Amino acid sequence: MTISIAGRCARTRMLGVAIASSSPCVAARCAFARAGVGAALSQNVTDPRLGQRALDLMQQGFAASAALKQIVAAAGAYGAYRQLVLVDVNGGAALHTGGKALGKNAGAQGMDCAAAGNLLADTGVPKAMAAAFAARPKLHLAERLLLALQEGLIAGGEAGPVKSAGLLVVDKQPWPLVDLRVDWDDAPVSRLAELWALYQPQMNDYVTRALDPSAAPAFGVPGDP
């Protein structure tokens, strides 16, 4: 029902996630990232509290693997229903897939990233996503995550049709640098790529407007930077 990836850029220390699912509004429930801390995904039979808990633990100084152990231990029997993906600010990654995860399921770790999926068409999908992410280290983190998500679809994706997708990236500020979502569409990952192409040229101007509006480009017609 879901494919996803969490990653870190070693150059910029940005953190983020990309996710797609046959369920609506997947990013609203499953995608989490906090600047200077980490990124997390809580999926399968999801509990959004686990994503926030993962970020809280990593903010307290726990590496991704140590945070995951605490979360799984505290989940008790419900941990069997959860699939979790964590990446910390130092690039450490951790994965958990419970014994009651849906359908074909798998996870894979790569350099500064981890990917996972359930109800997959092919168990090699997460590995293909992690490889795609690692292959393009000079691109913007959002671009790398999006390309990894696209590669996941090429490798087989989910067993059923994908209907929603999201892309979340944090940088130095307490708000997201990128937070794009397609909540219901016949081709949500393609639509997400279109949104990224629209947003990317304006992205940094919105940060400038928040921090120093006197230095920001002049406002123009709706849609201009």
Protein backbone atom coordinates (compact mmCIF):
# COMPACT_ATOMS: atom_id res chain seq x y z
CA MET A 1 0.00 0.00 0.00
CA THR A 2 3.00 2.34 0.40
CA ILE A 3 6.51 2.98 -0.93
CA SER A 4 8.74 5.56 0.72
CA ILE A 5 12.27 6.84 1.29
CA ALA A 6 13.93 9.00 3.94
CA GLY A 7 17.25 10.68 3.25
CA ARG A 8 19.88 13.19 4.23
CA CYS A 9 22.11 15.41 2.09
CA ALA A 10 25.67 15.16 3.41
CA ARG A 11 26.62 18.50 1.78
CA THR A 12 23.79 20.64 3.12
CA ARG A 13 22.54 18.47 6.01
CA MET A 14 19.01 18.83 4.70
CA LEU A 15 16.65 16.02 5.67
CA GLY A 16 13.51 14.76 4.02
CA VAL A 17 11.15 12.05 2.86
CA ALA A 18 9.19 11.08 -0.22
CA ILE A 19 6.20 8.73 -0.15
CA ALA A 20 3.46 7.34 -2.38
CA SER A 21 0.46 5.16 -1.63
CA SER A 22 -2.81 3.76 -2.92
CA SER A 23 -4.48 5.45 0.06
CA PRO A 24 -5.50 9.14 -0.04
CA CYS A 25 -3.55 11.91 1.67
CA VAL A 26 -0.64 9.63 2.61
CA ALA A 27 1.85 12.41 3.44
CA ALA A 28 -0.52 13.92 6.00
CA ARG A 29 -0.25 10.79 8.16
CA CYS A 30 3.09 9.21 7.36
CA ALA A 31 5.78 11.85 6.57
CA PHE A 32 7.87 13.58 9.26
CA ALA A 33 11.05 15.68 9.27
CA ARG A 34 12.64 18.18 11.65
CA ALA A 35 15.50 20.53 10.78
CA GLY A 36 18.80 19.56 12.37
CA VAL A 37 17.26 16.39 13.80
CA GLY A 38 16.10 13.73 11.37
CA ALA A 39 13.41 12.37 9.08
CA ALA A 40 10.93 9.57 9.68
CA LEU A 41 8.15 7.60 8.06
CA SER A 42 5.43 5.68 9.87
CA GLN A 43 3.44 3.47 7.51
CA ASN A 44 1.66 0.15 6.84
CA VAL A 45 -1.09 0.19 9.53
CA THR A 46 0.22 3.58 10.49
CA ASP A 47 0.35 5.40 13.81
CA PRO A 48 1.40 9.03 13.15
CA ARG A 49 2.47 9.41 16.77
CA LEU A 50 5.43 7.14 16.06
CA GLY A 51 6.89 9.54 13.51
CA GLN A 52 6.75 12.41 15.98
CA ARG A 53 8.16 10.18 18.72
CA ALA A 54 11.09 9.26 16.46
CA LEU A 55 11.91 12.92 15.87
CA ASP A 56 11.66 13.69 19.59
CA LEU A 57 14.09 10.89 20.45
CA MET A 58 16.57 11.93 17.75
CA GLN A 59 16.36 15.52 18.99
CA GLN A 60 17.31 14.21 22.43
CA GLY A 61 20.48 12.81 20.88
CA PHE A 62 19.52 9.23 20.03
CA ALA A 63 20.82 7.87 16.75
CA ALA A 64 18.20 6.50 14.36
CA SER A 65 18.88 2.90 15.36
CA ALA A 66 18.62 3.62 19.09
CA ALA A 67 15.45 5.65 18.63
CA LEU A 68 13.89 2.84 16.63
CA LYS A 69 14.64 0.28 19.35
CA GLN A 70 12.86 2.42 21.92
CA ILE A 71 9.82 2.93 19.71
CA VAL A 72 9.45 -0.74 18.82
CA ALA A 73 9.87 -1.80 22.45
CA ALA A 74 7.22 0.67 23.60
CA ALA A 75 4.80 -0.39 20.85
CA GLY A 76 4.51 -3.91 22.28
CA ALA A 77 2.23 -6.19 20.28
CA TYR A 78 1.17 -3.32 18.02
CA GLY A 79 4.71 -3.11 16.68
CA ALA A 80 3.90 -6.09 14.47
CA TYR A 81 1.57 -3.85 12.42
CA ARG A 82 4.05 -1.02 11.90
CA GLN A 83 6.64 -0.21 9.27
CA LEU A 84 9.08 2.54 10.26
CA VAL A 85 11.89 4.31 8.41
CA LEU A 86 14.30 6.66 10.22
CA VAL A 87 17.31 8.74 9.18
CA ASP A 88 19.15 10.95 11.67
CA VAL A 89 21.06 14.18 11.09
CA ASN A 90 24.36 12.28 10.81
CA GLY A 91 23.04 9.99 8.09
CA GLY A 92 22.40 6.98 10.31
CA ALA A 93 19.44 4.92 9.11
CA ALA A 94 17.14 2.35 10.67
CA LEU A 95 14.21 0.23 9.49
CA HIS A 96 11.47 -1.80 11.16
CA THR A 97 8.90 -4.01 9.44
CA GLY A 98 6.57 -5.87 11.76
CA GLY A 99 5.47 -9.43 11.20
CA LYS A 100 1.94 -8.34 10.25
CA ALA A 101 3.06 -5.94 7.51
CA LEU A 102 0.80 -6.14 4.48
CA GLY A 103 1.54 -8.26 1.41
CA LYS A 104 5.03 -8.37 -0.05
CA ASN A 105 7.15 -6.03 2.05
CA ALA A 106 10.80 -5.06 2.16
CA GLY A 107 13.28 -2.40 3.21
CA ALA A 108 16.74 -1.30 2.13
CA GLN A 109 19.43 1.02 3.46
CA GLY A 110 21.90 3.05 1.43
CA MET A 111 24.28 5.94 1.92
CA ASP A 112 22.37 8.53 4.00
CA CYS A 113 19.01 6.92 3.24
CA ALA A 114 16.56 4.13 3.91
CA ALA A 115 13.56 2.98 1.86
CA ALA A 116 10.68 0.63 2.56
CA GLY A 117 7.39 -0.60 1.18
CA ASN A 118 4.45 -2.89 1.75
CA LEU A 119 1.95 -4.52 -0.60
CA LEU A 120 4.74 -4.33 -3.16
CA ALA A 121 4.68 -5.68 -6.68
CA ASP A 122 8.33 -6.67 -6.20
CA THR A 123 10.46 -6.87 -3.06
CA GLY A 124 13.36 -5.24 -4.92
CA VAL A 125 11.59 -1.86 -5.02
CA PRO A 126 13.18 -0.35 -1.85
CA LYS A 127 16.66 -1.40 -2.98
CA ALA A 128 16.11 0.31 -6.34
CA MET A 129 14.95 3.46 -4.57
CA ALA A 130 17.97 3.57 -2.26
CA ALA A 131 20.31 3.06 -5.22
CA ALA A 132 18.67 5.87 -7.18
CA PHE A 133 19.00 8.22 -4.22
CA ALA A 134 22.69 7.42 -3.72
CA ALA A 135 23.50 7.79 -7.43
CA ARG A 136 22.87 11.55 -7.53
CA PRO A 137 24.60 13.15 -4.50
CA LYS A 138 25.06 16.58 -6.11
CA LEU A 139 21.37 17.20 -6.78
CA HIS A 140 19.10 19.01 -4.36
CA LEU A 141 17.78 16.63 -1.73
CA ALA A 142 14.18 17.11 -2.87
CA GLU A 143 15.18 16.15 -6.41
CA ARG A 144 17.01 13.04 -5.19
CA LEU A 145 14.04 11.92 -3.12
CA LEU A 146 11.64 12.50 -6.00
CA LEU A 147 13.85 10.59 -8.43
CA ALA A 148 14.06 7.73 -5.96
CA LEU A 149 10.28 7.64 -5.72
CA GLN A 150 10.00 7.60 -9.49
CA GLU A 151 12.52 4.75 -9.63
CA GLY A 152 10.41 2.85 -7.16
CA LEU A 153 7.50 2.96 -9.59
CA ILE A 154 9.73 1.87 -12.47
CA ALA A 155 10.93 -1.08 -10.39
CA GLY A 156 7.34 -2.22 -9.87
CA GLY A 157 5.92 0.01 -7.17
CA GLU A 158 2.89 -1.24 -5.32
CA ALA A 159 0.70 -4.14 -6.26
CA GLY A 160 -2.23 -1.72 -6.73
CA PRO A 161 -2.55 1.74 -8.32
CA VAL A 162 -0.79 4.64 -6.60
CA LYS A 163 -3.16 7.50 -5.78
CA SER A 164 -1.35 9.95 -3.47
CA ALA A 165 2.21 11.18 -2.92
CA GLY A 166 4.21 13.67 -0.89
CA LEU A 167 7.63 15.32 -0.71
CA LEU A 168 8.88 16.91 2.54
CA VAL A 169 12.31 18.54 3.06
CA VAL A 170 13.64 20.60 5.97
CA ASP A 171 16.76 22.77 5.98
CA LYS A 172 17.86 25.31 8.60
CA GLN A 173 14.51 26.82 9.58
CA PRO A 174 11.86 25.31 11.86
CA TRP A 175 9.37 25.19 8.97
CA PRO A 176 9.67 22.94 5.91
CA LEU A 177 11.63 24.17 2.91
CA VAL A 178 9.53 21.85 0.73
CA ASP A 179 6.14 20.41 1.62
CA LEU A 180 4.34 19.27 -1.54
CA ARG A 181 1.41 16.87 -1.61
CA VAL A 182 -0.87 15.24 -4.14
CA ASP A 183 -3.72 13.80 -2.12
CA TRP A 184 -5.70 11.99 -4.86
CA ASP A 185 -4.74 11.63 -8.51
CA ASP A 186 -4.38 8.93 -11.16
CA ALA A 187 -0.66 9.77 -11.54
CA PRO A 188 0.33 11.39 -8.23
CA VAL A 189 4.10 10.97 -8.56
CA SER A 190 4.09 12.63 -11.98
CA ARG A 191 1.92 15.41 -10.59
CA LEU A 192 4.31 15.76 -7.64
CA ALA A 193 7.19 16.22 -10.10
CA GLU A 194 5.21 18.96 -11.85
CA LEU A 195 4.63 20.72 -8.53
CA TRP A 196 8.35 20.51 -7.72
CA ALA A 197 9.22 22.04 -11.10
CA LEU A 198 6.79 24.89 -10.37
CA TYR A 199 7.91 25.46 -6.80
CA GLN A 200 11.67 24.98 -7.01
CA PRO A 201 12.51 28.32 -8.75
CA GLN A 202 10.56 30.20 -6.06
CA MET A 203 11.57 28.08 -3.07
CA ASN A 204 14.41 30.14 -1.62
CA ASP A 205 12.60 33.44 -2.14
CA TYR A 206 9.93 32.37 0.32
CA VAL A 207 12.62 31.79 2.95
CA THR A 208 14.11 35.22 2.26
CA ARG A 209 10.70 36.84 2.60
CA ALA A 210 10.30 35.30 6.04
CA LEU A 211 13.77 36.16 7.35
CA ASP A 212 14.35 39.55 5.68
CA PRO A 213 11.44 40.84 3.61
CA SER A 214 13.41 43.98 2.68
CA ALA A 215 15.83 41.77 0.73
CA ALA A 216 13.16 39.68 -0.99
CA PRO A 217 12.29 40.03 -4.66
CA ALA A 218 9.36 42.33 -5.36
CA PHE A 219 5.94 40.77 -5.33
CA GLY A 220 4.41 40.31 -8.73
CA VAL A 221 1.39 38.58 -10.12
CA PRO A 222 0.22 35.43 -8.32
CA GLY A 223 2.72 32.67 -8.90
CA ASP A 224 5.74 35.00 -9.23
CA PRO A 225 8.59 34.72 -6.69
